[in-house]
Amino acid sequence: MTTDTSTETTTETTTEALLPRIDQVLAAMAGMSPGPWAYRSREHDDWGAVRGPDGWIVALARDGGTSDDRAAQQHRDAGTDPYEGNARAIKALPDAREVLTDLRPLLATAVQERAVTQAQLFILTAWNSRDQFDGLAVWHTRMTVTAWPTADQALRDLIARYLDLEVRHLNSLTRTHADMQDFAALLNAAHAARDELRAALGESA
């Protein structure tokens, strides 16, 4: 959501940037074998072996750091696995997919709520104090403040879309050489969103 203020924080930007990264990771994991996975679950498993719930090997971890015979012999003598760190990280992938799947909607909700609050504050405080006061924008925004706590997701999406369009419309008023065609499009979009919002809330103009 776009505002004409500098109130966006590094945390907001980082949180918003996480969503597409999570989507990319989950997309890459879409074809992954089901978990849980186990690290060297059988007595004679080779170094770095990771098995799925059916017992079949799903991965053999490597790290490239023990390629010489001397280093490998040291691990054999010590009874250690030079690939254990990578193997355990691979083993955790099904759990990581589950965590990311659960986390994504929570982050999306937080991003949306922050954007909505920022837009509401912009219209009701920063914009409200300017010469270009827009009573209808303020009235509709106050409606969103009242409706938000009990709104279902569909209504919240509508509120977020309306506020984004309203902020874009209001910001276009401050342009020194505003493109009138662009302004008219933003104005019409904001007014249409107002109508849709009132209809959803059962309010009259």
N, C-alpha and C. Protein backbone atom coordinates (compact mmCIF):
# COMPACT_ATOMS: atom_id res chain seq x y z
N MET A 1 0.84 -1.19 0.00
CA MET A 1 0.00 0.00 0.00
C MET A 1 0.88 1.23 0.00
N THR A 2 0.55 2.21 -0.84
CA THR A 2 1.41 3.37 -1.03
C THR A 2 0.88 4.57 -0.26
N THR A 3 1.73 5.24 0.49
CA THR A 3 1.37 6.49 1.15
C THR A 3 2.39 7.54 0.79
N ASP A 4 2.08 8.77 1.14
CA ASP A 4 2.97 9.88 0.82
C ASP A 4 3.80 10.26 2.04
N THR A 5 4.00 9.31 2.94
CA THR A 5 4.73 9.56 4.16
C THR A 5 5.98 8.71 4.18
N SER A 6 6.83 8.96 5.17
CA SER A 6 8.06 8.18 5.33
C SER A 6 7.98 7.33 6.58
N THR A 7 6.79 6.82 6.89
CA THR A 7 6.58 6.07 8.12
C THR A 7 6.89 4.59 7.98
N GLU A 8 7.17 4.13 6.76
CA GLU A 8 7.49 2.71 6.59
C GLU A 8 8.80 2.41 7.29
N THR A 9 8.84 1.28 7.98
CA THR A 9 10.02 0.92 8.73
C THR A 9 10.79 -0.18 8.02
N THR A 10 12.04 -0.35 8.46
CA THR A 10 12.84 -1.44 7.89
C THR A 10 12.17 -2.77 8.15
N THR A 11 11.53 -2.92 9.33
CA THR A 11 10.84 -4.17 9.66
C THR A 11 9.73 -4.44 8.67
N GLU A 12 8.94 -3.42 8.33
CA GLU A 12 7.86 -3.60 7.36
C GLU A 12 8.41 -4.09 6.03
N THR A 13 9.42 -3.39 5.55
CA THR A 13 10.00 -3.74 4.27
C THR A 13 10.52 -5.17 4.29
N THR A 14 11.18 -5.54 5.37
CA THR A 14 11.72 -6.89 5.49
C THR A 14 10.60 -7.92 5.53
N THR A 15 9.55 -7.65 6.30
CA THR A 15 8.43 -8.58 6.40
C THR A 15 7.75 -8.77 5.05
N GLU A 16 7.52 -7.68 4.34
CA GLU A 16 6.90 -7.77 3.03
C GLU A 16 7.79 -8.54 2.06
N ALA A 17 9.09 -8.33 2.16
CA ALA A 17 10.02 -9.01 1.26
C ALA A 17 10.10 -10.50 1.55
N LEU A 18 9.75 -10.90 2.77
CA LEU A 18 9.81 -12.32 3.13
C LEU A 18 8.76 -13.14 2.38
N LEU A 19 7.61 -12.57 2.13
CA LEU A 19 6.52 -13.33 1.53
C LEU A 19 6.89 -13.94 0.17
N PRO A 20 7.41 -13.16 -0.78
CA PRO A 20 7.79 -13.81 -2.05
C PRO A 20 8.93 -14.80 -1.90
N ARG A 21 9.81 -14.56 -0.92
CA ARG A 21 10.90 -15.52 -0.70
C ARG A 21 10.34 -16.83 -0.15
N ILE A 22 9.38 -16.74 0.76
CA ILE A 22 8.73 -17.95 1.28
C ILE A 22 8.01 -18.68 0.16
N ASP A 23 7.34 -17.93 -0.70
CA ASP A 23 6.63 -18.56 -1.82
C ASP A 23 7.60 -19.30 -2.73
N GLN A 24 8.77 -18.70 -2.98
CA GLN A 24 9.77 -19.33 -3.82
C GLN A 24 10.27 -20.64 -3.19
N VAL A 25 10.52 -20.59 -1.89
CA VAL A 25 11.02 -21.78 -1.20
C VAL A 25 9.96 -22.88 -1.20
N LEU A 26 8.72 -22.53 -0.90
CA LEU A 26 7.64 -23.53 -0.87
C LEU A 26 7.41 -24.11 -2.27
N ALA A 27 7.55 -23.28 -3.29
CA ALA A 27 7.40 -23.79 -4.65
C ALA A 27 8.49 -24.80 -4.97
N ALA A 28 9.70 -24.52 -4.51
CA ALA A 28 10.82 -25.44 -4.74
C ALA A 28 10.62 -26.74 -3.97
N MET A 29 9.90 -26.67 -2.85
CA MET A 29 9.68 -27.86 -2.01
C MET A 29 8.44 -28.64 -2.42
N ALA A 30 7.69 -28.14 -3.39
CA ALA A 30 6.39 -28.73 -3.73
C ALA A 30 6.49 -30.21 -4.08
N GLY A 31 7.55 -30.61 -4.77
CA GLY A 31 7.68 -32.00 -5.19
C GLY A 31 8.49 -32.86 -4.26
N MET A 32 8.79 -32.33 -3.08
CA MET A 32 9.64 -33.05 -2.13
C MET A 32 8.93 -34.28 -1.55
N SER A 33 9.68 -35.33 -1.28
CA SER A 33 9.10 -36.53 -0.68
C SER A 33 8.52 -36.21 0.69
N PRO A 34 7.46 -36.91 1.09
CA PRO A 34 6.84 -36.64 2.39
C PRO A 34 7.78 -37.00 3.55
N GLY A 35 7.62 -36.32 4.67
CA GLY A 35 8.39 -36.60 5.86
C GLY A 35 7.61 -37.48 6.82
N PRO A 36 8.14 -37.72 8.00
CA PRO A 36 9.43 -37.20 8.47
C PRO A 36 10.61 -37.98 7.88
N TRP A 37 11.75 -37.30 7.84
CA TRP A 37 12.97 -37.92 7.39
C TRP A 37 13.85 -38.23 8.60
N ALA A 38 14.75 -39.21 8.42
CA ALA A 38 15.61 -39.64 9.53
C ALA A 38 17.06 -39.68 9.06
N TYR A 39 17.95 -39.28 9.96
CA TYR A 39 19.39 -39.28 9.66
C TYR A 39 20.01 -40.59 10.13
N ARG A 40 20.60 -41.33 9.20
CA ARG A 40 21.30 -42.59 9.48
C ARG A 40 20.49 -43.46 10.45
N SER A 41 19.29 -43.78 10.03
CA SER A 41 18.37 -44.52 10.90
C SER A 41 18.66 -46.02 10.96
N ARG A 42 19.58 -46.47 10.11
CA ARG A 42 19.94 -47.89 10.13
C ARG A 42 21.42 -48.04 10.49
N GLU A 43 21.72 -49.14 11.11
CA GLU A 43 23.04 -49.34 11.70
C GLU A 43 24.18 -49.17 10.70
N HIS A 44 24.02 -49.66 9.52
CA HIS A 44 25.11 -49.64 8.55
C HIS A 44 24.93 -48.56 7.47
N ASP A 45 24.14 -47.54 7.77
CA ASP A 45 23.97 -46.45 6.81
C ASP A 45 25.29 -45.75 6.53
N ASP A 46 25.47 -45.38 5.29
CA ASP A 46 26.67 -44.65 4.90
C ASP A 46 26.64 -43.24 5.47
N TRP A 47 27.77 -42.57 5.44
CA TRP A 47 27.84 -41.18 5.87
C TRP A 47 26.81 -40.34 5.11
N GLY A 48 26.16 -39.47 5.84
CA GLY A 48 25.25 -38.51 5.23
C GLY A 48 23.93 -39.07 4.76
N ALA A 49 23.62 -40.34 5.11
CA ALA A 49 22.39 -40.95 4.61
C ALA A 49 21.15 -40.37 5.33
N VAL A 50 20.15 -40.03 4.55
CA VAL A 50 18.88 -39.53 5.08
C VAL A 50 17.78 -40.38 4.45
N ARG A 51 16.93 -40.94 5.30
CA ARG A 51 15.87 -41.84 4.81
C ARG A 51 14.49 -41.23 5.07
N GLY A 52 13.56 -41.58 4.19
CA GLY A 52 12.18 -41.17 4.34
C GLY A 52 11.42 -42.11 5.24
N PRO A 53 10.12 -41.87 5.46
CA PRO A 53 9.32 -42.70 6.37
C PRO A 53 9.16 -44.14 5.88
N ASP A 54 9.36 -44.36 4.59
CA ASP A 54 9.25 -45.72 4.06
C ASP A 54 10.57 -46.47 4.12
N GLY A 55 11.62 -45.83 4.63
CA GLY A 55 12.92 -46.46 4.76
C GLY A 55 13.84 -46.26 3.59
N TRP A 56 13.34 -45.76 2.48
CA TRP A 56 14.18 -45.53 1.32
C TRP A 56 15.03 -44.28 1.51
N ILE A 57 16.24 -44.33 0.96
CA ILE A 57 17.12 -43.16 1.06
C ILE A 57 16.59 -42.04 0.17
N VAL A 58 16.44 -40.85 0.76
CA VAL A 58 15.98 -39.68 0.00
C VAL A 58 17.13 -38.75 -0.34
N ALA A 59 18.24 -38.86 0.41
CA ALA A 59 19.39 -37.98 0.14
C ALA A 59 20.64 -38.57 0.75
N LEU A 60 21.77 -38.29 0.11
CA LEU A 60 23.09 -38.58 0.65
C LEU A 60 23.85 -37.26 0.72
N ALA A 61 24.02 -36.76 1.91
CA ALA A 61 24.66 -35.45 2.09
C ALA A 61 26.15 -35.54 1.81
N ARG A 62 26.69 -34.45 1.28
CA ARG A 62 28.13 -34.31 1.07
C ARG A 62 28.48 -32.86 1.38
N ASP A 63 29.78 -32.60 1.60
CA ASP A 63 30.17 -31.20 1.82
C ASP A 63 31.45 -30.82 1.10
N GLY A 64 32.15 -31.79 0.52
CA GLY A 64 33.35 -31.48 -0.24
C GLY A 64 34.57 -31.21 0.61
N GLY A 65 34.42 -31.23 1.92
CA GLY A 65 35.55 -30.88 2.79
C GLY A 65 36.38 -32.07 3.24
N THR A 66 35.96 -33.28 2.91
CA THR A 66 36.69 -34.47 3.37
C THR A 66 37.02 -35.37 2.18
N SER A 67 37.43 -34.76 1.09
CA SER A 67 37.65 -35.54 -0.13
C SER A 67 38.96 -36.33 -0.09
N ASP A 68 39.91 -35.91 0.74
CA ASP A 68 41.18 -36.65 0.74
C ASP A 68 41.09 -37.85 1.68
N ASP A 69 41.85 -38.86 1.39
CA ASP A 69 41.78 -40.12 2.12
C ASP A 69 42.15 -39.96 3.58
N ARG A 70 43.11 -39.09 3.89
CA ARG A 70 43.56 -38.92 5.27
C ARG A 70 42.43 -38.38 6.15
N ALA A 71 41.74 -37.38 5.67
CA ALA A 71 40.64 -36.81 6.44
C ALA A 71 39.53 -37.83 6.61
N ALA A 72 39.25 -38.59 5.57
CA ALA A 72 38.21 -39.60 5.66
C ALA A 72 38.58 -40.68 6.67
N GLN A 73 39.85 -41.08 6.71
CA GLN A 73 40.29 -42.11 7.65
C GLN A 73 40.18 -41.61 9.08
N GLN A 74 40.45 -40.33 9.30
CA GLN A 74 40.32 -39.75 10.64
C GLN A 74 38.87 -39.87 11.13
N HIS A 75 37.93 -39.66 10.25
CA HIS A 75 36.52 -39.79 10.65
C HIS A 75 36.16 -41.24 10.90
N ARG A 76 36.72 -42.15 10.10
CA ARG A 76 36.44 -43.56 10.34
C ARG A 76 36.98 -44.00 11.70
N ASP A 77 38.19 -43.56 12.00
CA ASP A 77 38.81 -43.91 13.28
C ASP A 77 38.02 -43.35 14.45
N ALA A 78 37.50 -42.14 14.28
CA ALA A 78 36.76 -41.49 15.37
C ALA A 78 35.30 -41.91 15.42
N GLY A 79 34.85 -42.61 14.39
CA GLY A 79 33.44 -43.02 14.36
C GLY A 79 32.50 -41.86 14.12
N THR A 80 32.97 -40.83 13.42
CA THR A 80 32.15 -39.64 13.15
C THR A 80 31.78 -39.56 11.68
N ASP A 81 30.77 -38.76 11.41
CA ASP A 81 30.28 -38.57 10.05
C ASP A 81 30.64 -37.16 9.60
N PRO A 82 31.50 -37.02 8.62
CA PRO A 82 31.89 -35.67 8.17
C PRO A 82 30.74 -34.90 7.52
N TYR A 83 29.69 -35.60 7.16
CA TYR A 83 28.57 -34.95 6.50
C TYR A 83 27.36 -34.77 7.42
N GLU A 84 27.57 -34.99 8.71
CA GLU A 84 26.43 -34.97 9.64
C GLU A 84 25.70 -33.63 9.64
N GLY A 85 26.44 -32.55 9.65
CA GLY A 85 25.79 -31.23 9.69
C GLY A 85 24.84 -31.01 8.52
N ASN A 86 25.33 -31.30 7.32
CA ASN A 86 24.48 -31.14 6.14
C ASN A 86 23.34 -32.16 6.13
N ALA A 87 23.63 -33.37 6.59
CA ALA A 87 22.60 -34.41 6.60
C ALA A 87 21.46 -34.04 7.55
N ARG A 88 21.81 -33.52 8.71
CA ARG A 88 20.76 -33.12 9.67
C ARG A 88 19.96 -31.93 9.14
N ALA A 89 20.62 -31.04 8.41
CA ALA A 89 19.90 -29.92 7.80
C ALA A 89 18.92 -30.43 6.75
N ILE A 90 19.36 -31.41 5.95
CA ILE A 90 18.47 -32.00 4.96
C ILE A 90 17.30 -32.71 5.63
N LYS A 91 17.60 -33.44 6.70
CA LYS A 91 16.56 -34.15 7.46
C LYS A 91 15.45 -33.21 7.93
N ALA A 92 15.82 -31.95 8.23
CA ALA A 92 14.86 -30.98 8.77
C ALA A 92 13.97 -30.36 7.69
N LEU A 93 14.23 -30.64 6.43
CA LEU A 93 13.47 -29.98 5.36
C LEU A 93 11.96 -30.20 5.43
N PRO A 94 11.46 -31.41 5.69
CA PRO A 94 10.00 -31.55 5.80
C PRO A 94 9.41 -30.70 6.92
N ASP A 95 10.12 -30.62 8.05
CA ASP A 95 9.65 -29.77 9.14
C ASP A 95 9.69 -28.30 8.73
N ALA A 96 10.74 -27.91 8.01
CA ALA A 96 10.85 -26.53 7.55
C ALA A 96 9.71 -26.18 6.61
N ARG A 97 9.36 -27.11 5.74
CA ARG A 97 8.23 -26.88 4.83
C ARG A 97 6.94 -26.68 5.61
N GLU A 98 6.73 -27.49 6.64
CA GLU A 98 5.52 -27.37 7.45
C GLU A 98 5.49 -26.03 8.18
N VAL A 99 6.63 -25.62 8.72
CA VAL A 99 6.70 -24.34 9.45
C VAL A 99 6.42 -23.18 8.50
N LEU A 100 7.03 -23.19 7.33
CA LEU A 100 6.83 -22.11 6.37
C LEU A 100 5.38 -22.06 5.88
N THR A 101 4.78 -23.22 5.70
CA THR A 101 3.38 -23.28 5.27
C THR A 101 2.48 -22.65 6.32
N ASP A 102 2.76 -22.92 7.60
CA ASP A 102 1.97 -22.33 8.69
C ASP A 102 2.27 -20.86 8.88
N LEU A 103 3.52 -20.48 8.65
CA LEU A 103 3.95 -19.11 8.90
C LEU A 103 3.47 -18.13 7.84
N ARG A 104 3.38 -18.59 6.60
CA ARG A 104 3.08 -17.68 5.50
C ARG A 104 1.78 -16.89 5.69
N PRO A 105 0.64 -17.55 6.02
CA PRO A 105 -0.59 -16.75 6.21
C PRO A 105 -0.51 -15.80 7.39
N LEU A 106 0.25 -16.16 8.42
CA LEU A 106 0.40 -15.26 9.56
C LEU A 106 1.15 -13.99 9.15
N LEU A 107 2.21 -14.17 8.36
CA LEU A 107 2.97 -13.01 7.87
C LEU A 107 2.12 -12.17 6.92
N ALA A 108 1.36 -12.83 6.05
CA ALA A 108 0.51 -12.10 5.11
C ALA A 108 -0.52 -11.26 5.87
N THR A 109 -1.08 -11.82 6.93
CA THR A 109 -2.04 -11.07 7.74
C THR A 109 -1.38 -9.88 8.41
N ALA A 110 -0.18 -10.08 8.94
CA ALA A 110 0.54 -8.99 9.61
C ALA A 110 0.87 -7.86 8.63
N VAL A 111 1.30 -8.23 7.43
CA VAL A 111 1.63 -7.22 6.41
C VAL A 111 0.37 -6.44 6.03
N GLN A 112 -0.74 -7.15 5.83
CA GLN A 112 -1.98 -6.49 5.46
C GLN A 112 -2.46 -5.55 6.57
N GLU A 113 -2.44 -6.03 7.81
CA GLU A 113 -2.89 -5.21 8.93
C GLU A 113 -2.05 -3.95 9.09
N ARG A 114 -0.74 -4.10 8.91
CA ARG A 114 0.14 -2.94 9.03
C ARG A 114 -0.13 -1.93 7.93
N ALA A 115 -0.33 -2.42 6.70
CA ALA A 115 -0.60 -1.53 5.58
C ALA A 115 -1.93 -0.80 5.77
N VAL A 116 -2.94 -1.52 6.25
CA VAL A 116 -4.25 -0.92 6.48
C VAL A 116 -4.16 0.15 7.55
N THR A 117 -3.50 -0.16 8.66
CA THR A 117 -3.35 0.81 9.74
C THR A 117 -2.60 2.05 9.27
N GLN A 118 -1.56 1.84 8.50
CA GLN A 118 -0.77 2.96 7.98
C GLN A 118 -1.63 3.86 7.10
N ALA A 119 -2.44 3.25 6.22
CA ALA A 119 -3.29 4.04 5.33
C ALA A 119 -4.36 4.78 6.12
N GLN A 120 -4.96 4.11 7.10
CA GLN A 120 -5.97 4.76 7.93
C GLN A 120 -5.39 5.97 8.67
N LEU A 121 -4.23 5.79 9.24
CA LEU A 121 -3.59 6.90 9.96
C LEU A 121 -3.24 8.04 9.01
N PHE A 122 -2.78 7.70 7.83
CA PHE A 122 -2.43 8.73 6.85
C PHE A 122 -3.66 9.57 6.50
N ILE A 123 -4.78 8.92 6.22
CA ILE A 123 -5.98 9.65 5.81
C ILE A 123 -6.57 10.44 6.97
N LEU A 124 -6.59 9.84 8.17
CA LEU A 124 -7.27 10.47 9.30
C LEU A 124 -6.40 11.49 10.04
N THR A 125 -5.10 11.44 9.85
CA THR A 125 -4.23 12.38 10.57
C THR A 125 -3.44 13.26 9.59
N ALA A 126 -2.48 12.69 8.91
CA ALA A 126 -1.62 13.49 8.03
C ALA A 126 -2.43 14.19 6.94
N TRP A 127 -3.31 13.44 6.25
CA TRP A 127 -4.08 14.06 5.18
C TRP A 127 -5.15 14.99 5.75
N ASN A 128 -5.76 14.62 6.83
CA ASN A 128 -6.86 15.38 7.43
C ASN A 128 -6.41 16.79 7.83
N SER A 129 -5.11 16.98 8.04
CA SER A 129 -4.60 18.28 8.48
C SER A 129 -4.22 19.18 7.30
N ARG A 130 -4.37 18.69 6.08
CA ARG A 130 -3.99 19.47 4.92
C ARG A 130 -5.16 20.32 4.41
N ASP A 131 -4.85 21.19 3.48
CA ASP A 131 -5.88 22.06 2.92
C ASP A 131 -6.85 21.30 2.04
N GLN A 132 -6.37 20.19 1.42
CA GLN A 132 -7.23 19.43 0.50
C GLN A 132 -8.06 18.40 1.26
N PHE A 133 -8.71 18.83 2.34
CA PHE A 133 -9.51 17.92 3.17
C PHE A 133 -10.60 17.26 2.32
N ASP A 134 -10.76 15.98 2.47
CA ASP A 134 -11.77 15.21 1.74
C ASP A 134 -12.65 14.50 2.76
N GLY A 135 -13.81 15.08 3.02
CA GLY A 135 -14.69 14.53 4.05
C GLY A 135 -15.16 13.13 3.76
N LEU A 136 -15.42 12.81 2.49
CA LEU A 136 -15.87 11.47 2.15
C LEU A 136 -14.77 10.44 2.36
N ALA A 137 -13.53 10.82 2.05
CA ALA A 137 -12.42 9.91 2.29
C ALA A 137 -12.29 9.62 3.78
N VAL A 138 -12.45 10.65 4.59
CA VAL A 138 -12.36 10.47 6.05
C VAL A 138 -13.51 9.61 6.54
N TRP A 139 -14.72 9.87 6.05
CA TRP A 139 -15.89 9.11 6.49
C TRP A 139 -15.75 7.63 6.14
N HIS A 140 -15.38 7.36 4.91
CA HIS A 140 -15.22 5.95 4.49
C HIS A 140 -14.09 5.28 5.26
N THR A 141 -13.03 6.01 5.52
CA THR A 141 -11.92 5.42 6.27
C THR A 141 -12.33 5.10 7.70
N ARG A 142 -13.12 5.96 8.31
CA ARG A 142 -13.62 5.67 9.66
C ARG A 142 -14.50 4.42 9.66
N MET A 143 -15.23 4.21 8.56
CA MET A 143 -16.01 2.99 8.43
C MET A 143 -15.10 1.76 8.47
N THR A 144 -13.94 1.86 7.81
CA THR A 144 -13.03 0.71 7.80
C THR A 144 -12.45 0.44 9.17
N VAL A 145 -12.21 1.51 9.93
CA VAL A 145 -11.68 1.34 11.29
C VAL A 145 -12.67 0.56 12.15
N THR A 146 -13.95 0.91 12.02
CA THR A 146 -15.00 0.23 12.79
C THR A 146 -15.19 -1.21 12.35
N ALA A 147 -15.12 -1.43 11.03
CA ALA A 147 -15.44 -2.76 10.49
C ALA A 147 -14.30 -3.75 10.63
N TRP A 148 -13.06 -3.27 10.64
CA TRP A 148 -11.90 -4.16 10.54
C TRP A 148 -11.85 -5.26 11.61
N PRO A 149 -12.03 -4.97 12.90
CA PRO A 149 -11.82 -6.01 13.93
C PRO A 149 -12.67 -7.26 13.73
N THR A 150 -13.89 -7.13 13.21
CA THR A 150 -14.77 -8.30 13.07
C THR A 150 -14.94 -8.73 11.61
N ALA A 151 -14.20 -8.12 10.70
CA ALA A 151 -14.34 -8.44 9.28
C ALA A 151 -13.75 -9.81 8.95
N ASP A 152 -14.43 -10.53 8.03
CA ASP A 152 -13.83 -11.77 7.54
C ASP A 152 -12.76 -11.42 6.51
N GLN A 153 -12.05 -12.44 6.00
CA GLN A 153 -10.92 -12.16 5.13
C GLN A 153 -11.34 -11.47 3.84
N ALA A 154 -12.50 -11.85 3.30
CA ALA A 154 -12.96 -11.23 2.06
C ALA A 154 -13.19 -9.73 2.26
N LEU A 155 -13.81 -9.36 3.37
CA LEU A 155 -14.05 -7.95 3.66
C LEU A 155 -12.74 -7.23 3.96
N ARG A 156 -11.82 -7.89 4.63
CA ARG A 156 -10.52 -7.27 4.90
C ARG A 156 -9.76 -7.00 3.61
N ASP A 157 -9.86 -7.92 2.67
CA ASP A 157 -9.21 -7.70 1.37
C ASP A 157 -9.84 -6.50 0.66
N LEU A 158 -11.16 -6.37 0.76
CA LEU A 158 -11.84 -5.23 0.16
C LEU A 158 -11.42 -3.92 0.83
N ILE A 159 -11.37 -3.92 2.16
CA ILE A 159 -10.95 -2.73 2.90
C ILE A 159 -9.53 -2.33 2.50
N ALA A 160 -8.64 -3.31 2.43
CA ALA A 160 -7.25 -3.02 2.06
C ALA A 160 -7.17 -2.44 0.65
N ARG A 161 -7.95 -2.99 -0.27
CA ARG A 161 -7.94 -2.50 -1.64
C ARG A 161 -8.51 -1.09 -1.71
N TYR A 162 -9.62 -0.85 -0.99
CA TYR A 162 -10.21 0.49 -0.98
C TYR A 162 -9.21 1.51 -0.44
N LEU A 163 -8.58 1.22 0.69
CA LEU A 163 -7.66 2.17 1.30
C LEU A 163 -6.47 2.45 0.39
N ASP A 164 -5.98 1.42 -0.28
CA ASP A 164 -4.87 1.62 -1.21
C ASP A 164 -5.27 2.58 -2.33
N LEU A 165 -6.48 2.37 -2.89
CA LEU A 165 -6.95 3.23 -3.96
C LEU A 165 -7.22 4.65 -3.46
N GLU A 166 -7.74 4.76 -2.25
CA GLU A 166 -8.02 6.08 -1.68
C GLU A 166 -6.73 6.86 -1.46
N VAL A 167 -5.73 6.19 -0.93
CA VAL A 167 -4.45 6.85 -0.69
C VAL A 167 -3.82 7.29 -2.02
N ARG A 168 -3.88 6.43 -3.02
CA ARG A 168 -3.33 6.79 -4.33
C ARG A 168 -4.06 8.01 -4.91
N HIS A 169 -5.37 8.01 -4.74
CA HIS A 169 -6.17 9.14 -5.24
C HIS A 169 -5.79 10.42 -4.51
N LEU A 170 -5.70 10.37 -3.19
CA LEU A 170 -5.38 11.57 -2.42
C LEU A 170 -3.97 12.07 -2.72
N ASN A 171 -3.04 11.15 -2.84
CA ASN A 171 -1.67 11.55 -3.14
C ASN A 171 -1.56 12.21 -4.51
N SER A 172 -2.42 11.80 -5.44
CA SER A 172 -2.36 12.40 -6.78
C SER A 172 -2.73 13.88 -6.75
N LEU A 173 -3.46 14.30 -5.72
CA LEU A 173 -3.87 15.71 -5.62
C LEU A 173 -2.69 16.62 -5.32
N THR A 174 -1.61 16.07 -4.79
CA THR A 174 -0.48 16.90 -4.38
C THR A 174 0.58 17.04 -5.45
N ARG A 175 0.41 16.39 -6.57
CA ARG A 175 1.40 16.46 -7.63
C ARG A 175 1.39 17.85 -8.26
N THR A 176 2.55 18.40 -8.43
CA THR A 176 2.66 19.75 -8.98
C THR A 176 2.09 19.82 -10.39
N HIS A 177 2.44 18.87 -11.21
CA HIS A 177 1.92 18.83 -12.58
C HIS A 177 1.23 17.48 -12.79
N ALA A 178 0.16 17.31 -12.10
CA ALA A 178 -0.53 16.02 -12.15
C ALA A 178 -1.08 15.75 -13.54
N ASP A 179 -0.91 14.53 -13.96
CA ASP A 179 -1.49 14.08 -15.22
C ASP A 179 -3.00 13.93 -14.99
N MET A 180 -3.80 14.76 -15.63
CA MET A 180 -5.24 14.77 -15.36
C MET A 180 -5.89 13.45 -15.73
N GLN A 181 -5.39 12.81 -16.77
CA GLN A 181 -5.95 11.51 -17.14
C GLN A 181 -5.67 10.49 -16.04
N ASP A 182 -4.46 10.53 -15.51
CA ASP A 182 -4.09 9.64 -14.41
C ASP A 182 -4.93 9.96 -13.18
N PHE A 183 -5.09 11.24 -12.88
CA PHE A 183 -5.89 11.65 -11.73
C PHE A 183 -7.33 11.18 -11.87
N ALA A 184 -7.91 11.35 -13.05
CA ALA A 184 -9.29 10.94 -13.26
C ALA A 184 -9.46 9.43 -13.06
N ALA A 185 -8.48 8.66 -13.52
CA ALA A 185 -8.55 7.20 -13.35
C ALA A 185 -8.48 6.83 -11.88
N LEU A 186 -7.60 7.50 -11.14
CA LEU A 186 -7.47 7.22 -9.71
C LEU A 186 -8.73 7.64 -8.96
N LEU A 187 -9.28 8.80 -9.32
CA LEU A 187 -10.51 9.29 -8.69
C LEU A 187 -11.66 8.32 -8.92
N ASN A 188 -11.83 7.88 -10.17
CA ASN A 188 -12.92 6.96 -10.49
C ASN A 188 -12.75 5.63 -9.77
N ALA A 189 -11.51 5.16 -9.69
CA ALA A 189 -11.25 3.89 -9.01
C ALA A 189 -11.55 4.01 -7.52
N ALA A 190 -11.16 5.14 -6.91
CA ALA A 190 -11.42 5.35 -5.49
C ALA A 190 -12.92 5.45 -5.22
N HIS A 191 -13.65 6.15 -6.08
CA HIS A 191 -15.10 6.29 -5.90
C HIS A 191 -15.80 4.95 -6.08
N ALA A 192 -15.34 4.16 -7.04
CA ALA A 192 -15.94 2.84 -7.24
C ALA A 192 -15.68 1.95 -6.02
N ALA A 193 -14.49 2.07 -5.46
CA ALA A 193 -14.16 1.28 -4.26
C ALA A 193 -14.99 1.74 -3.07
N ARG A 194 -15.26 3.04 -2.99
CA ARG A 194 -16.14 3.54 -1.92
C ARG A 194 -17.52 2.92 -2.04
N ASP A 195 -18.06 2.89 -3.26
CA ASP A 195 -19.38 2.30 -3.48
C ASP A 195 -19.39 0.82 -3.08
N GLU A 196 -18.33 0.12 -3.46
CA GLU A 196 -18.25 -1.31 -3.15
C GLU A 196 -18.15 -1.52 -1.64
N LEU A 197 -17.40 -0.65 -0.98
CA LEU A 197 -17.25 -0.76 0.47
C LEU A 197 -18.58 -0.52 1.17
N ARG A 198 -19.29 0.52 0.76
CA ARG A 198 -20.59 0.81 1.38
C ARG A 198 -21.56 -0.34 1.18
N ALA A 199 -21.54 -0.91 -0.02
CA ALA A 199 -22.44 -2.04 -0.30
C ALA A 199 -22.11 -3.22 0.60
N ALA A 200 -20.83 -3.48 0.78
CA ALA A 200 -20.42 -4.61 1.62
C ALA A 200 -20.78 -4.38 3.08
N LEU A 201 -20.78 -3.11 3.51
CA LEU A 201 -21.09 -2.79 4.91
C LEU A 201 -22.54 -2.42 5.12
N GLY A 202 -23.30 -2.37 4.03
CA GLY A 202 -24.72 -2.03 4.15
C GLY A 202 -24.97 -0.59 4.50
N GLU A 203 -24.06 0.28 4.07
CA GLU A 203 -24.18 1.72 4.34
C GLU A 203 -24.69 2.44 3.10
N SER A 204 -25.37 3.59 3.33
CA SER A 204 -25.81 4.42 2.22
C SER A 204 -24.91 5.63 2.11
N ALA A 205 -24.86 6.22 0.92
CA ALA A 205 -23.97 7.36 0.70
C ALA A 205 -24.45 8.58 1.48
